[in-house]
C-alpha atoms as a PDB file:
ATOM      1  CA  MET A   1    -122.306   2.256  97.950  1.00  0.00           C
ATOM      2  CA  ALA A   2    -121.274   5.707  96.597  1.00  0.00           C
ATOM      3  CA  GLY A   3    -118.431   6.318  94.779  1.00  0.00           C
ATOM      4  CA  PRO A   4    -115.436   8.479  95.184  1.00  0.00           C
ATOM      5  CA  LEU A   5    -116.320  12.290  94.808  1.00  0.00           C
ATOM      6  CA  VAL A   6    -115.593  13.205  91.526  1.00  0.00           C
ATOM      7  CA  ARG A   7    -115.141  17.424  90.512  1.00  0.00           C
ATOM      8  CA  PRO A   8    -115.767  17.748  87.261  1.00  0.00           C
ATOM      9  CA  VAL A   9    -112.938  19.655  85.303  1.00  0.00           C
ATOM     10  CA  GLN A  10    -115.017  22.947  85.139  1.00  0.00           C
ATOM     11  CA  TYR A  11    -115.266  23.146  89.121  1.00  0.00           C
ATOM     12  CA  ILE A  12    -111.622  22.999  89.471  1.00  0.00           C
ATOM     13  CA  ILE A  13    -110.628  24.936  86.810  1.00  0.00           C
ATOM     14  CA  GLU A  14    -113.104  27.766  88.427  1.00  0.00           C
ATOM     15  CA  SER A  15    -111.175  27.448  91.961  1.00  0.00           C
ATOM     16  CA  SER A  16    -107.807  27.505  90.102  1.00  0.00           C
ATOM     17  CA  TRP A  17    -108.670  31.362  89.077  1.00  0.00           C
ATOM     18  CA  ARG A  18    -109.421  32.312  92.950  1.00  0.00           C
ATOM     19  CA  ILE A  19    -105.874  31.040  93.656  1.00  0.00           C
ATOM     20  CA  ASN A  20    -104.793  33.945  91.108  1.00  0.00           C
ATOM     21  CA  VAL A  21    -100.996  33.210  91.458  1.00  0.00           C
ATOM     22  CA  PHE A  22     -99.625  34.426  88.187  1.00  0.00           C
ATOM     23  CA  THR A  23     -96.366  33.222  86.536  1.00  0.00           C
ATOM     24  CA  CYS A  24     -93.876  35.685  84.477  1.00  0.00           C
ATOM     25  CA  ARG A  25     -93.518  34.042  80.277  1.00  0.00           C
ATOM     26  CA  ASN A  26     -90.361  35.360  80.133  1.00  0.00           C
ATOM     27  CA  GLN A  27     -88.483  32.271  80.560  1.00  0.00           C
ATOM     28  CA  SER A  28     -85.332  34.024  82.247  1.00  0.00           C
ATOM     29  CA  CYS A  29     -87.191  35.518  84.734  1.00  0.00           C
ATOM     30  CA  GLU A  30     -90.428  32.956  85.877  1.00  0.00           C
ATOM     31  CA  ALA A  31     -91.281  34.934  88.696  1.00  0.00           C
ATOM     32  CA  GLN A  32     -94.242  34.249  90.162  1.00  0.00           C
ATOM     33  CA  TRP A  33     -97.172  37.283  91.793  1.00  0.00           C
ATOM     34  CA  GLU A  34    -100.137  37.159  93.451  1.00  0.00           C
ATOM     35  CA  GLN A  35    -102.992  39.472  91.626  1.00  0.00           C
ATOM     36  CA  SER A  36    -102.535  41.899  94.476  1.00  0.00           C
ATOM     37  CA  ASP A  37     -98.673  42.660  93.198  1.00  0.00           C
ATOM     38  CA  VAL A  38     -99.791  43.034  89.797  1.00  0.00           C
ATOM     39  CA  VAL A  39    -101.344  45.948  87.986  1.00  0.00           C
ATOM     40  CA  ILE A  40    -103.708  44.161  84.800  1.00  0.00           C
ATOM     41  CA  LYS A  41    -104.455  47.065  82.467  1.00  0.00           C
ATOM     42  CA  ASN A  42    -105.359  47.036  78.793  1.00  0.00           C
ATOM     43  CA  GLU A  43    -102.223  49.102  76.433  1.00  0.00           C
ATOM     44  CA  GLY A  44    -103.793  48.130  73.174  1.00  0.00           C
ATOM     45  CA  GLN A  45    -102.904  44.240  72.934  1.00  0.00           C
ATOM     46  CA  GLY A  46    -105.650  43.117  75.450  1.00  0.00           C
ATOM     47  CA  LEU A  47    -105.567  42.855  79.011  1.00  0.00           C
ATOM     48  CA  LEU A  48    -101.838  42.112  80.253  1.00  0.00           C
ATOM     49  CA  PHE A  49     -99.777  42.767  83.443  1.00  0.00           C
ATOM     50  CA  ARG A  50     -96.156  43.697  83.059  1.00  0.00           C
ATOM     51  CA  CYS A  51     -94.308  41.499  85.486  1.00  0.00           C
ATOM     52  CA  PRO A  52     -92.879  43.718  88.290  1.00  0.00           C
ATOM     53  CA  MET A  53     -89.044  42.283  88.096  1.00  0.00           C
ATOM     54  CA  CYS A  54     -88.648  42.460  84.442  1.00  0.00           C
ATOM     55  CA  GLY A  55     -91.372  44.301  82.772  1.00  0.00           C
ATOM     56  CA  ALA A  56     -92.170  41.466  80.534  1.00  0.00           C
ATOM     57  CA  ARG A  57     -96.222  41.428  78.830  1.00  0.00           C
ATOM     58  CA  ASN A  58     -98.295  38.625  80.500  1.00  0.00           C
ATOM     59  CA  TYR A  59    -101.532  38.231  79.025  1.00  0.00           C
ATOM     60  CA  VAL A  60    -104.433  37.310  81.043  1.00  0.00           C
ATOM     61  CA  GLU A  61    -108.720  36.992  80.452  1.00  0.00           C
ATOM     62  CA  ARG A  62    -111.300  38.470  82.548  1.00  0.00           C
ATOM     63  CA  PHE A  63    -113.982  36.431  83.638  1.00  0.00           C
ATOM     64  CA  ASP A  64    -116.837  37.538  86.088  1.00  0.00           C
ATOM     65  CA  GLY A  65    -117.410  35.006  89.096  1.00  0.00           C
ATOM     66  CA  GLU A  66    -120.397  33.933  90.318  1.00  0.00           C
ATOM     67  CA  ASP A  67    -120.460  36.000  93.208  1.00  0.00           C
ATOM     68  CA  GLY A  68    -120.124  39.164  91.101  1.00  0.00           C
ATOM     69  CA  SER A  69    -116.458  39.258  91.519  1.00  0.00           C
ATOM     70  CA  VAL A  70    -113.588  39.602  88.615  1.00  0.00           C
ATOM     71  CA  LEU A  71    -111.363  36.992  87.968  1.00  0.00           C
ATOM     72  CA  TYR A  72    -108.592  36.555  86.046  1.00  0.00           C
ATOM     73  CA  GLU A  73    -106.998  33.434  84.055  1.00  0.00           C
ATOM     74  CA  GLN A  74    -103.146  33.856  82.658  1.00  0.00           C
ATOM     75  CA  LEU A  75    -102.816  33.004  78.940  1.00  0.00           C
ATOM     76  CA  GLU A  76    -100.125  31.042  77.460  1.00  0.00           C
ATOM     77  CA  GLY A  77     -99.315  33.576  74.797  1.00  0.00           C
ATOM     78  CA  ARG A  78    -100.899  36.512  73.247  1.00  0.00           C
ATOM     79  CA  PRO A  79    -104.793  36.408  72.652  1.00  0.00           C
ATOM     80  CA  ASP A  80    -106.276  35.410  69.483  1.00  0.00           C
ATOM     81  CA  HIS A  81    -107.916  38.947  68.097  1.00  0.00           C
ATOM     82  CA  GLY A  82    -108.875  37.053  64.783  1.00  0.00           C
ATOM     83  CA  PRO A  83    -108.039  37.498  61.479  1.00  0.00           C
ATOM     84  CA  MET A  84    -105.376  40.479  60.509  1.00  0.00           C
ATOM     85  CA  ALA A  85    -107.159  43.199  58.476  1.00  0.00           C
ATOM     86  CA  GLU A  86    -106.079  43.090  54.726  1.00  0.00           C
END
């Protein structure tokens, strides 16, 4: 008898990228947007979208899907660019 179907964590994470719902990290806003509602671009600090409601920067990371599509995952804070040059 087979046990319950258990999906690997990687599968769950990849499927969540396909949802592409982003939440503004500005605590006074927290509006939710679909990827089609925002413009993702690099303003010199990494990939981000500005919240259409309040203008706050919200950082994302780009991934290539298995089917060749471009997927984005929202980051909790700013991207880590490594140590600062001295």
